[in-house]
Amino acid sequence: MNILNLTSTEFFLILAGVALIIGVLLIIIGVIVLISRVLGGDVRKIAEQTATLAQKGIAEEVAGLVGNASTLVESLNGLIKSAAGIGVFLIIIGLLLLAASYGLALQLR
């Protein structure tokens, strides 16, 4: 059997299957990214410790320490937002691939 001798139905079936598999994998990866990055305890611990550090800096009137701590908190917030954005983007692309796979499967009648 020559691999290049595919009928159009077989080709669309293979294409739909590949799109389905990649779509499911992207959804799973997106959910893992959302769970691990956004809900991760490490980022929360760093944010709490930075807030405590900023409060100590305010109490001791150390301007540089407060400025650096607030910059770190802003960076952590940006990190959380970007990780959530990446996870949501992967889920949306996965759903689009699932829809494309379904559309291709409907064409196989």
PDB file of N, CA and C in Angstrom:
ATOM      1  N   MET A   1       0.839  -1.178   0.000  1.00  0.00           N
ATOM      2  CA  MET A   1       0.000   0.000   0.000  1.00  0.00           C
ATOM      3  C   MET A   1       0.882   1.238   0.000  1.00  0.00           C
ATOM      4  N   ASN A   2       0.704   2.077  -0.949  1.00  0.00           N
ATOM      5  CA  ASN A   2       1.466   3.304  -1.056  1.00  0.00           C
ATOM      6  C   ASN A   2       0.770   4.394  -0.237  1.00  0.00           C
ATOM      7  N   ILE A   3       1.536   5.105   0.548  1.00  0.00           N
ATOM      8  CA  ILE A   3       0.952   6.113   1.434  1.00  0.00           C
ATOM      9  C   ILE A   3       0.392   7.301   0.649  1.00  0.00           C
ATOM     10  N   LEU A   4       0.852   7.505  -0.558  1.00  0.00           N
ATOM     11  CA  LEU A   4       0.377   8.638  -1.347  1.00  0.00           C
ATOM     12  C   LEU A   4      -0.924   8.341  -2.074  1.00  0.00           C
ATOM     13  N   ASN A   5      -1.375   7.104  -2.067  1.00  0.00           N
ATOM     14  CA  ASN A   5      -2.620   6.741  -2.739  1.00  0.00           C
ATOM     15  C   ASN A   5      -3.790   6.801  -1.762  1.00  0.00           C
ATOM     16  N   LEU A   6      -4.042   7.968  -1.217  1.00  0.00           N
ATOM     17  CA  LEU A   6      -5.159   8.156  -0.292  1.00  0.00           C
ATOM     18  C   LEU A   6      -6.327   8.764  -1.053  1.00  0.00           C
ATOM     19  N   THR A   7      -7.487   8.288  -0.738  1.00  0.00           N
ATOM     20  CA  THR A   7      -8.668   8.943  -1.281  1.00  0.00           C
ATOM     21  C   THR A   7      -8.920  10.215  -0.483  1.00  0.00           C
ATOM     22  N   SER A   8      -9.762  11.074  -1.007  1.00  0.00           N
ATOM     23  CA  SER A   8     -10.036  12.327  -0.298  1.00  0.00           C
ATOM     24  C   SER A   8     -10.722  12.068   1.036  1.00  0.00           C
ATOM     25  N   THR A   9     -11.551  11.034   1.088  1.00  0.00           N
ATOM     26  CA  THR A   9     -12.222  10.688   2.345  1.00  0.00           C
ATOM     27  C   THR A   9     -11.213  10.250   3.390  1.00  0.00           C
ATOM     28  N   GLU A  10     -10.246   9.421   3.001  1.00  0.00           N
ATOM     29  CA  GLU A  10      -9.222   8.972   3.945  1.00  0.00           C
ATOM     30  C   GLU A  10      -8.356  10.140   4.411  1.00  0.00           C
ATOM     31  N   PHE A  11      -8.027  11.026   3.472  1.00  0.00           N
ATOM     32  CA  PHE A  11      -7.212  12.182   3.826  1.00  0.00           C
ATOM     33  C   PHE A  11      -7.926  13.072   4.838  1.00  0.00           C
ATOM     34  N   PHE A  12      -9.204  13.373   4.595  1.00  0.00           N
ATOM     35  CA  PHE A  12      -9.952  14.217   5.529  1.00  0.00           C
ATOM     36  C   PHE A  12     -10.166  13.519   6.863  1.00  0.00           C
ATOM     37  N   LEU A  13     -10.296  12.209   6.858  1.00  0.00           N
ATOM     38  CA  LEU A  13     -10.433  11.469   8.109  1.00  0.00           C
ATOM     39  C   LEU A  13      -9.153  11.555   8.936  1.00  0.00           C
ATOM     40  N   ILE A  14      -8.015  11.401   8.277  1.00  0.00           N
ATOM     41  CA  ILE A  14      -6.731  11.522   8.974  1.00  0.00           C
ATOM     42  C   ILE A  14      -6.545  12.951   9.484  1.00  0.00           C
ATOM     43  N   LEU A  15      -6.881  13.924   8.660  1.00  0.00           N
ATOM     44  CA  LEU A  15      -6.751  15.325   9.053  1.00  0.00           C
ATOM     45  C   LEU A  15      -7.653  15.652  10.245  1.00  0.00           C
ATOM     46  N   ALA A  16      -8.875  15.141  10.224  1.00  0.00           N
ATOM     47  CA  ALA A  16      -9.793  15.365  11.341  1.00  0.00           C
ATOM     48  C   ALA A  16      -9.274  14.703  12.613  1.00  0.00           C
ATOM     49  N   GLY A  17      -8.713  13.511  12.496  1.00  0.00           N
ATOM     50  CA  GLY A  17      -8.168  12.815  13.662  1.00  0.00           C
ATOM     51  C   GLY A  17      -6.987  13.538  14.263  1.00  0.00           C
ATOM     52  N   VAL A  18      -6.097  14.035  13.409  1.00  0.00           N
ATOM     53  CA  VAL A  18      -4.935  14.779  13.901  1.00  0.00           C
ATOM     54  C   VAL A  18      -5.383  16.078  14.576  1.00  0.00           C
ATOM     55  N   ALA A  19      -6.338  16.784  13.964  1.00  0.00           N
ATOM     56  CA  ALA A  19      -6.846  18.020  14.566  1.00  0.00           C
ATOM     57  C   ALA A  19      -7.518  17.734  15.908  1.00  0.00           C
ATOM     58  N   LEU A  20      -8.220  16.626  16.001  1.00  0.00           N
ATOM     59  CA  LEU A  20      -8.871  16.248  17.257  1.00  0.00           C
ATOM     60  C   LEU A  20      -7.839  15.979  18.342  1.00  0.00           C
ATOM     61  N   ILE A  21      -6.810  15.217  18.020  1.00  0.00           N
ATOM     62  CA  ILE A  21      -5.779  14.882  19.009  1.00  0.00           C
ATOM     63  C   ILE A  21      -5.035  16.125  19.464  1.00  0.00           C
ATOM     64  N   ILE A  22      -4.636  16.974  18.516  1.00  0.00           N
ATOM     65  CA  ILE A  22      -3.910  18.192  18.886  1.00  0.00           C
ATOM     66  C   ILE A  22      -4.805  19.130  19.691  1.00  0.00           C
ATOM     67  N   GLY A  23      -6.076  19.225  19.331  1.00  0.00           N
ATOM     68  CA  GLY A  23      -7.010  20.072  20.076  1.00  0.00           C
ATOM     69  C   GLY A  23      -7.172  19.625  21.516  1.00  0.00           C
ATOM     70  N   VAL A  24      -7.326  18.326  21.713  1.00  0.00           N
ATOM     71  CA  VAL A  24      -7.465  17.795  23.078  1.00  0.00           C
ATOM     72  C   VAL A  24      -6.185  18.039  23.878  1.00  0.00           C
ATOM     73  N   LEU A  25      -5.033  17.829  23.246  1.00  0.00           N
ATOM     74  CA  LEU A  25      -3.767  18.067  23.946  1.00  0.00           C
ATOM     75  C   LEU A  25      -3.609  19.537  24.331  1.00  0.00           C
ATOM     76  N   LEU A  26      -3.986  20.444  23.441  1.00  0.00           N
ATOM     77  CA  LEU A  26      -3.879  21.868  23.767  1.00  0.00           C
ATOM     78  C   LEU A  26      -4.817  22.266  24.904  1.00  0.00           C
ATOM     79  N   ILE A  27      -5.999  21.695  24.936  1.00  0.00           N
ATOM     80  CA  ILE A  27      -6.914  21.986  26.044  1.00  0.00           C
ATOM     81  C   ILE A  27      -6.333  21.485  27.360  1.00  0.00           C
ATOM     82  N   ILE A  28      -5.790  20.284  27.353  1.00  0.00           N
ATOM     83  CA  ILE A  28      -5.197  19.726  28.579  1.00  0.00           C
ATOM     84  C   ILE A  28      -4.012  20.570  29.032  1.00  0.00           C
ATOM     85  N   ILE A  29      -3.145  20.959  28.096  1.00  0.00           N
ATOM     86  CA  ILE A  29      -1.983  21.780  28.448  1.00  0.00           C
ATOM     87  C   ILE A  29      -2.439  23.141  28.977  1.00  0.00           C
ATOM     88  N   GLY A  30      -3.462  23.734  28.362  1.00  0.00           N
ATOM     89  CA  GLY A  30      -3.980  25.021  28.831  1.00  0.00           C
ATOM     90  C   GLY A  30      -4.523  24.949  30.242  1.00  0.00           C
ATOM     91  N   VAL A  31      -5.240  23.881  30.543  1.00  0.00           N
ATOM     92  CA  VAL A  31      -5.779  23.710  31.900  1.00  0.00           C
ATOM     93  C   VAL A  31      -4.643  23.513  32.900  1.00  0.00           C
ATOM     94  N   ILE A  32      -3.631  22.743  32.511  1.00  0.00           N
ATOM     95  CA  ILE A  32      -2.484  22.534  33.404  1.00  0.00           C
ATOM     96  C   ILE A  32      -1.764  23.852  33.664  1.00  0.00           C
ATOM     97  N   VAL A  33      -1.598  24.666  32.621  1.00  0.00           N
ATOM     98  CA  VAL A  33      -0.948  25.971  32.801  1.00  0.00           C
ATOM     99  C   VAL A  33      -1.764  26.841  33.741  1.00  0.00           C
ATOM    100  N   LEU A  34      -3.078  26.857  33.558  1.00  0.00           N
ATOM    101  CA  LEU A  34      -3.925  27.669  34.439  1.00  0.00           C
ATOM    102  C   LEU A  34      -3.829  27.205  35.885  1.00  0.00           C
ATOM    103  N   ILE A  35      -3.886  25.911  36.082  1.00  0.00           N
ATOM    104  CA  ILE A  35      -3.863  25.393  37.449  1.00  0.00           C
ATOM    105  C   ILE A  35      -2.503  25.599  38.099  1.00  0.00           C
ATOM    106  N   SER A  36      -1.439  25.300  37.378  1.00  0.00           N
ATOM    107  CA  SER A  36      -0.113  25.350  38.000  1.00  0.00           C
ATOM    108  C   SER A  36       0.387  26.772  38.203  1.00  0.00           C
ATOM    109  N   ARG A  37       0.133  27.657  37.273  1.00  0.00           N
ATOM    110  CA  ARG A  37       0.670  29.017  37.382  1.00  0.00           C
ATOM    111  C   ARG A  37      -0.202  29.938  38.216  1.00  0.00           C
ATOM    112  N   VAL A  38      -1.477  29.939  37.927  1.00  0.00           N
ATOM    113  CA  VAL A  38      -2.364  30.886  38.596  1.00  0.00           C
ATOM    114  C   VAL A  38      -2.644  30.469  40.029  1.00  0.00           C
ATOM    115  N   LEU A  39      -2.855  29.185  40.239  1.00  0.00           N
ATOM    116  CA  LEU A  39      -3.200  28.725  41.577  1.00  0.00           C
ATOM    117  C   LEU A  39      -1.986  28.250  42.371  1.00  0.00           C
ATOM    118  N   GLY A  40      -0.804  28.411  41.818  1.00  0.00           N
ATOM    119  CA  GLY A  40       0.409  27.953  42.498  1.00  0.00           C
ATOM    120  C   GLY A  40       0.655  28.724  43.776  1.00  0.00           C
ATOM    121  N   GLY A  41       1.044  28.020  44.811  1.00  0.00           N
ATOM    122  CA  GLY A  41       1.275  28.638  46.115  1.00  0.00           C
ATOM    123  C   GLY A  41       2.570  29.421  46.178  1.00  0.00           C
ATOM    124  N   ASP A  42       3.529  29.107  45.304  1.00  0.00           N
ATOM    125  CA  ASP A  42       4.816  29.791  45.348  1.00  0.00           C
ATOM    126  C   ASP A  42       4.671  31.280  45.048  1.00  0.00           C
ATOM    127  N   VAL A  43       3.880  31.597  44.050  1.00  0.00           N
ATOM    128  CA  VAL A  43       3.703  33.003  43.685  1.00  0.00           C
ATOM    129  C   VAL A  43       3.011  33.749  44.817  1.00  0.00           C
ATOM    130  N   ARG A  44       2.029  33.107  45.436  1.00  0.00           N
ATOM    131  CA  ARG A  44       1.331  33.751  46.555  1.00  0.00           C
ATOM    132  C   ARG A  44       2.276  33.984  47.735  1.00  0.00           C
ATOM    133  N   LYS A  45       3.135  33.018  48.021  1.00  0.00           N
ATOM    134  CA  LYS A  45       4.079  33.175  49.134  1.00  0.00           C
ATOM    135  C   LYS A  45       5.032  34.335  48.872  1.00  0.00           C
ATOM    136  N   ILE A  46       5.527  34.426  47.644  1.00  0.00           N
ATOM    137  CA  ILE A  46       6.435  35.521  47.309  1.00  0.00           C
ATOM    138  C   ILE A  46       5.721  36.859  47.433  1.00  0.00           C
ATOM    139  N   ALA A  47       4.483  36.926  46.970  1.00  0.00           N
ATOM    140  CA  ALA A  47       3.717  38.176  47.063  1.00  0.00           C
ATOM    141  C   ALA A  47       3.477  38.564  48.518  1.00  0.00           C
ATOM    142  N   GLU A  48       3.150  37.596  49.366  1.00  0.00           N
ATOM    143  CA  GLU A  48       2.928  37.891  50.779  1.00  0.00           C
ATOM    144  C   GLU A  48       4.209  38.370  51.453  1.00  0.00           C
ATOM    145  N   GLN A  49       5.317  37.705  51.157  1.00  0.00           N
ATOM    146  CA  GLN A  49       6.585  38.102  51.762  1.00  0.00           C
ATOM    147  C   GLN A  49       7.027  39.476  51.271  1.00  0.00           C
ATOM    148  N   THR A  50       6.747  39.775  50.008  1.00  0.00           N
ATOM    149  CA  THR A  50       7.093  41.090  49.477  1.00  0.00           C
ATOM    150  C   THR A  50       6.247  42.173  50.130  1.00  0.00           C
ATOM    151  N   ALA A  51       4.963  41.885  50.348  1.00  0.00           N
ATOM    152  CA  ALA A  51       4.103  42.860  51.030  1.00  0.00           C
ATOM    153  C   ALA A  51       4.586  43.102  52.451  1.00  0.00           C
ATOM    154  N   THR A  52       4.985  42.049  53.128  1.00  0.00           N
ATOM    155  CA  THR A  52       5.527  42.195  54.483  1.00  0.00           C
ATOM    156  C   THR A  52       6.805  43.020  54.463  1.00  0.00           C
ATOM    157  N   LEU A  53       7.645  42.768  53.474  1.00  0.00           N
ATOM    158  CA  LEU A  53       8.889  43.513  53.322  1.00  0.00           C
ATOM    159  C   LEU A  53       8.606  44.990  53.072  1.00  0.00           C
ATOM    160  N   ALA A  54       7.602  45.276  52.265  1.00  0.00           N
ATOM    161  CA  ALA A  54       7.235  46.671  51.985  1.00  0.00           C
ATOM    162  C   ALA A  54       6.727  47.358  53.244  1.00  0.00           C
ATOM    163  N   GLN A  55       5.953  46.634  54.048  1.00  0.00           N
ATOM    164  CA  GLN A  55       5.450  47.223  55.294  1.00  0.00           C
ATOM    165  C   GLN A  55       6.594  47.524  56.257  1.00  0.00           C
ATOM    166  N   LYS A  56       7.571  46.630  56.327  1.00  0.00           N
ATOM    167  CA  LYS A  56       8.738  46.888  57.180  1.00  0.00           C
ATOM    168  C   LYS A  56       9.509  48.098  56.670  1.00  0.00           C
ATOM    169  N   GLY A  57       9.604  48.214  55.345  1.00  0.00           N
ATOM    170  CA  GLY A  57      10.316  49.347  54.772  1.00  0.00           C
ATOM    171  C   GLY A  57       9.612  50.655  55.064  1.00  0.00           C
ATOM    172  N   ILE A  58       8.278  50.641  55.040  1.00  0.00           N
ATOM    173  CA  ILE A  58       7.513  51.847  55.366  1.00  0.00           C
ATOM    174  C   ILE A  58       7.701  52.201  56.837  1.00  0.00           C
ATOM    175  N   ALA A  59       7.667  51.174  57.699  1.00  0.00           N
ATOM    176  CA  ALA A  59       7.809  51.421  59.136  1.00  0.00           C
ATOM    177  C   ALA A  59       9.200  51.955  59.461  1.00  0.00           C
ATOM    178  N   GLU A  60      10.206  51.502  58.738  1.00  0.00           N
ATOM    179  CA  GLU A  60      11.575  51.936  59.019  1.00  0.00           C
ATOM    180  C   GLU A  60      12.011  53.079  58.110  1.00  0.00           C
ATOM    181  N   GLU A  61      11.089  53.567  57.281  1.00  0.00           N
ATOM    182  CA  GLU A  61      11.330  54.687  56.389  1.00  0.00           C
ATOM    183  C   GLU A  61      12.509  54.441  55.452  1.00  0.00           C
ATOM    184  N   VAL A  62      12.501  53.292  54.827  1.00  0.00           N
ATOM    185  CA  VAL A  62      13.530  52.951  53.853  1.00  0.00           C
ATOM    186  C   VAL A  62      12.886  53.037  52.471  1.00  0.00           C
ATOM    187  N   ALA A  63      13.115  54.131  51.799  1.00  0.00           N
ATOM    188  CA  ALA A  63      12.417  54.409  50.545  1.00  0.00           C
ATOM    189  C   ALA A  63      12.789  53.427  49.436  1.00  0.00           C
ATOM    190  N   GLY A  64      14.046  53.091  49.310  1.00  0.00           N
ATOM    191  CA  GLY A  64      14.481  52.188  48.249  1.00  0.00           C
ATOM    192  C   GLY A  64      13.890  50.804  48.393  1.00  0.00           C
ATOM    193  N   LEU A  65      13.796  50.344  49.618  1.00  0.00           N
ATOM    194  CA  LEU A  65      13.231  49.016  49.881  1.00  0.00           C
ATOM    195  C   LEU A  65      11.763  48.963  49.506  1.00  0.00           C
ATOM    196  N   VAL A  66      11.030  50.014  49.821  1.00  0.00           N
ATOM    197  CA  VAL A  66       9.605  50.069  49.491  1.00  0.00           C
ATOM    198  C   VAL A  66       9.422  50.114  47.979  1.00  0.00           C
ATOM    199  N   GLY A  67      10.234  50.893  47.294  1.00  0.00           N
ATOM    200  CA  GLY A  67      10.134  50.998  45.842  1.00  0.00           C
ATOM    201  C   GLY A  67      10.417  49.669  45.161  1.00  0.00           C
ATOM    202  N   ASN A  68      11.451  48.982  45.607  1.00  0.00           N
ATOM    203  CA  ASN A  68      11.789  47.677  45.022  1.00  0.00           C
ATOM    204  C   ASN A  68      10.719  46.631  45.330  1.00  0.00           C
ATOM    205  N   ALA A  69      10.166  46.669  46.514  1.00  0.00           N
ATOM    206  CA  ALA A  69       9.125  45.707  46.880  1.00  0.00           C
ATOM    207  C   ALA A  69       7.863  45.930  46.049  1.00  0.00           C
ATOM    208  N   SER A  70       7.497  47.185  45.840  1.00  0.00           N
ATOM    209  CA  SER A  70       6.300  47.448  45.035  1.00  0.00           C
ATOM    210  C   SER A  70       6.523  47.051  43.577  1.00  0.00           C
ATOM    211  N   THR A  71       7.728  47.242  43.074  1.00  0.00           N
ATOM    212  CA  THR A  71       8.049  46.798  41.712  1.00  0.00           C
ATOM    213  C   THR A  71       7.949  45.286  41.602  1.00  0.00           C
ATOM    214  N   LEU A  72       8.402  44.585  42.620  1.00  0.00           N
ATOM    215  CA  LEU A  72       8.319  43.126  42.624  1.00  0.00           C
ATOM    216  C   LEU A  72       6.871  42.655  42.655  1.00  0.00           C
ATOM    217  N   VAL A  73       6.028  43.317  43.434  1.00  0.00           N
ATOM    218  CA  VAL A  73       4.608  42.953  43.480  1.00  0.00           C
ATOM    219  C   VAL A  73       3.954  43.175  42.119  1.00  0.00           C
ATOM    220  N   GLU A  74       4.265  44.286  41.467  1.00  0.00           N
ATOM    221  CA  GLU A  74       3.715  44.549  40.132  1.00  0.00           C
ATOM    222  C   GLU A  74       4.190  43.502  39.129  1.00  0.00           C
ATOM    223  N   SER A  75       5.440  43.089  39.227  1.00  0.00           N
ATOM    224  CA  SER A  75       5.966  42.049  38.331  1.00  0.00           C
ATOM    225  C   SER A  75       5.271  40.715  38.560  1.00  0.00           C
ATOM    226  N   LEU A  76       5.012  40.386  39.811  1.00  0.00           N
ATOM    227  CA  LEU A  76       4.315  39.135  40.116  1.00  0.00           C
ATOM    228  C   LEU A  76       2.887  39.163  39.581  1.00  0.00           C
ATOM    229  N   ASN A  77       2.219  40.299  39.706  1.00  0.00           N
ATOM    230  CA  ASN A  77       0.870  40.412  39.154  1.00  0.00           C
ATOM    231  C   ASN A  77       0.882  40.257  37.639  1.00  0.00           C
ATOM    232  N   GLY A  78       1.874  40.835  36.980  1.00  0.00           N
ATOM    233  CA  GLY A  78       2.010  40.675  35.537  1.00  0.00           C
ATOM    234  C   GLY A  78       2.283  39.234  35.158  1.00  0.00           C
ATOM    235  N   LEU A  79       3.087  38.546  35.966  1.00  0.00           N
ATOM    236  CA  LEU A  79       3.390  37.132  35.717  1.00  0.00           C
ATOM    237  C   LEU A  79       2.131  36.281  35.814  1.00  0.00           C
ATOM    238  N   ILE A  80       1.323  36.536  36.810  1.00  0.00           N
ATOM    239  CA  ILE A  80       0.079  35.775  36.978  1.00  0.00           C
ATOM    240  C   ILE A  80      -0.865  36.039  35.812  1.00  0.00           C
ATOM    241  N   LYS A  81      -0.983  37.302  35.405  1.00  0.00           N
ATOM    242  CA  LYS A  81      -1.876  37.643  34.294  1.00  0.00           C
ATOM    243  C   LYS A  81      -1.402  37.012  32.995  1.00  0.00           C
ATOM    244  N   SER A  82      -0.090  37.030  32.740  1.00  0.00           N
ATOM    245  CA  SER A  82       0.400  36.456  31.493  1.00  0.00           C
ATOM    246  C   SER A  82       0.261  34.942  31.482  1.00  0.00           C
ATOM    247  N   ALA A  83       0.467  34.298  32.630  1.00  0.00           N
ATOM    248  CA  ALA A  83       0.291  32.840  32.694  1.00  0.00           C
ATOM    249  C   ALA A  83      -1.165  32.471  32.468  1.00  0.00           C
ATOM    250  N   ALA A  84      -2.066  33.249  33.026  1.00  0.00           N
ATOM    251  CA  ALA A  84      -3.485  32.987  32.809  1.00  0.00           C
ATOM    252  C   ALA A  84      -3.847  33.219  31.350  1.00  0.00           C
ATOM    253  N   GLY A  85      -3.265  34.248  30.755  1.00  0.00           N
ATOM    254  CA  GLY A  85      -3.526  34.531  29.351  1.00  0.00           C
ATOM    255  C   GLY A  85      -3.036  33.419  28.440  1.00  0.00           C
ATOM    256  N   ILE A  86      -1.878  32.877  28.731  1.00  0.00           N
ATOM    257  CA  ILE A  86      -1.342  31.771  27.931  1.00  0.00           C
ATOM    258  C   ILE A  86      -2.232  30.546  28.062  1.00  0.00           C
ATOM    259  N   GLY A  87      -2.672  30.247  29.279  1.00  0.00           N
ATOM    260  CA  GLY A  87      -3.547  29.092  29.485  1.00  0.00           C
ATOM    261  C   GLY A  87      -4.868  29.236  28.748  1.00  0.00           C
ATOM    262  N   VAL A  88      -5.470  30.412  28.819  1.00  0.00           N
ATOM    263  CA  VAL A  88      -6.743  30.653  28.135  1.00  0.00           C
ATOM    264  C   VAL A  88      -6.545  30.604  26.623  1.00  0.00           C
ATOM    265  N   PHE A  89      -5.441  31.147  26.130  1.00  0.00           N
ATOM    266  CA  PHE A  89      -5.151  31.099  24.697  1.00  0.00           C
ATOM    267  C   PHE A  89      -5.027  29.653  24.211  1.00  0.00           C
ATOM    268  N   LEU A  90      -4.319  28.822  24.953  1.00  0.00           N
ATOM    269  CA  LEU A  90      -4.181  27.413  24.562  1.00  0.00           C
ATOM    270  C   LEU A  90      -5.526  26.696  24.556  1.00  0.00           C
ATOM    271  N   ILE A  91      -6.366  27.001  25.519  1.00  0.00           N
ATOM    272  CA  ILE A  91      -7.696  26.373  25.573  1.00  0.00           C
ATOM    273  C   ILE A  91      -8.535  26.812  24.379  1.00  0.00           C
ATOM    274  N   ILE A  92      -8.479  28.091  24.031  1.00  0.00           N
ATOM    275  CA  ILE A  92      -9.266  28.582  22.893  1.00  0.00           C
ATOM    276  C   ILE A  92      -8.787  27.952  21.591  1.00  0.00           C
ATOM    277  N   ILE A  93      -7.484  27.865  21.396  1.00  0.00           N
ATOM    278  CA  ILE A  93      -6.956  27.232  20.182  1.00  0.00           C
ATOM    279  C   ILE A  93      -7.358  25.759  20.139  1.00  0.00           C
ATOM    280  N   GLY A  94      -7.321  25.088  21.287  1.00  0.00           N
ATOM    281  CA  GLY A  94      -7.752  23.690  21.344  1.00  0.00           C
ATOM    282  C   GLY A  94      -9.214  23.527  20.966  1.00  0.00           C
ATOM    283  N   LEU A  95     -10.058  24.428  21.459  1.00  0.00           N
ATOM    284  CA  LEU A  95     -11.480  24.364  21.114  1.00  0.00           C
ATOM    285  C   LEU A  95     -11.710  24.636  19.626  1.00  0.00           C
ATOM    286  N   LEU A  96     -10.934  25.559  19.052  1.00  0.00           N
ATOM    287  CA  LEU A  96     -11.043  25.822  17.621  1.00  0.00           C
ATOM    288  C   LEU A  96     -10.627  24.601  16.801  1.00  0.00           C
ATOM    289  N   LEU A  97      -9.598  23.915  17.251  1.00  0.00           N
ATOM    290  CA  LEU A  97      -9.178  22.694  16.547  1.00  0.00           C
ATOM    291  C   LEU A  97     -10.226  21.589  16.673  1.00  0.00           C
ATOM    292  N   LEU A  98     -10.865  21.501  17.829  1.00  0.00           N
ATOM    293  CA  LEU A  98     -11.943  20.519  17.980  1.00  0.00           C
ATOM    294  C   LEU A  98     -13.102  20.854  17.043  1.00  0.00           C
ATOM    295  N   ALA A  99     -13.434  22.133  16.922  1.00  0.00           N
ATOM    296  CA  ALA A  99     -14.502  22.540  16.008  1.00  0.00           C
ATOM    297  C   ALA A  99     -14.126  22.248  14.560  1.00  0.00           C
ATOM    298  N   ALA A 100     -12.855  22.485  14.208  1.00  0.00           N
ATOM    299  CA  ALA A 100     -12.394  22.190  12.848  1.00  0.00           C
ATOM    300  C   ALA A 100     -12.445  20.693  12.578  1.00  0.00           C
ATOM    301  N   SER A 101     -12.079  19.911  13.567  1.00  0.00           N
ATOM    302  CA  SER A 101     -12.140  18.457  13.423  1.00  0.00           C
ATOM    303  C   SER A 101     -13.573  17.988  13.219  1.00  0.00           C
ATOM    304  N   TYR A 102     -14.485  18.561  13.978  1.00  0.00           N
ATOM    305  CA  TYR A 102     -15.900  18.211  13.837  1.00  0.00           C
ATOM    306  C   TYR A 102     -16.422  18.612  12.463  1.00  0.00           C
ATOM    307  N   GLY A 103     -16.022  19.796  12.007  1.00  0.00           N
ATOM    308  CA  GLY A 103     -16.432  20.255  10.685  1.00  0.00           C
ATOM    309  C   GLY A 103     -15.919  19.341   9.568  1.00  0.00           C
ATOM    310  N   LEU A 104     -14.670  18.907   9.703  1.00  0.00           N
ATOM    311  CA  LEU A 104     -14.119  17.978   8.720  1.00  0.00           C
ATOM    312  C   LEU A 104     -14.837  16.637   8.755  1.00  0.00           C
ATOM    313  N   ALA A 105     -15.172  16.188   9.956  1.00  0.00           N
ATOM    314  CA  ALA A 105     -15.877  14.905  10.073  1.00  0.00           C
ATOM    315  C   ALA A 105     -17.265  14.983   9.457  1.00  0.00           C
ATOM    316  N   LEU A 106     -17.911  16.134   9.535  1.00  0.00           N
ATOM    317  CA  LEU A 106     -19.226  16.293   8.910  1.00  0.00           C
ATOM    318  C   LEU A 106     -19.145  16.254   7.392  1.00  0.00           C
ATOM    319  N   GLN A 107     -18.005  16.633   6.837  1.00  0.00           N
ATOM    320  CA  GLN A 107     -17.826  16.625   5.401  1.00  0.00           C
ATOM    321  C   GLN A 107     -17.626  15.227   4.828  1.00  0.00           C
ATOM    322  N   LEU A 108     -17.439  14.239   5.682  1.00  0.00           N
ATOM    323  CA  LEU A 108     -17.105  12.890   5.230  1.00  0.00           C
ATOM    324  C   LEU A 108     -18.320  12.040   4.873  1.00  0.00           C
ATOM    325  N   ARG A 109     -19.492  12.580   4.911  1.00  0.00           N
ATOM    326  CA  ARG A 109     -20.686  11.794   4.631  1.00  0.00           C
ATOM    327  C   ARG A 109     -20.642  11.195   3.307  1.00  0.00           C
TER     328      ARG A 109
END
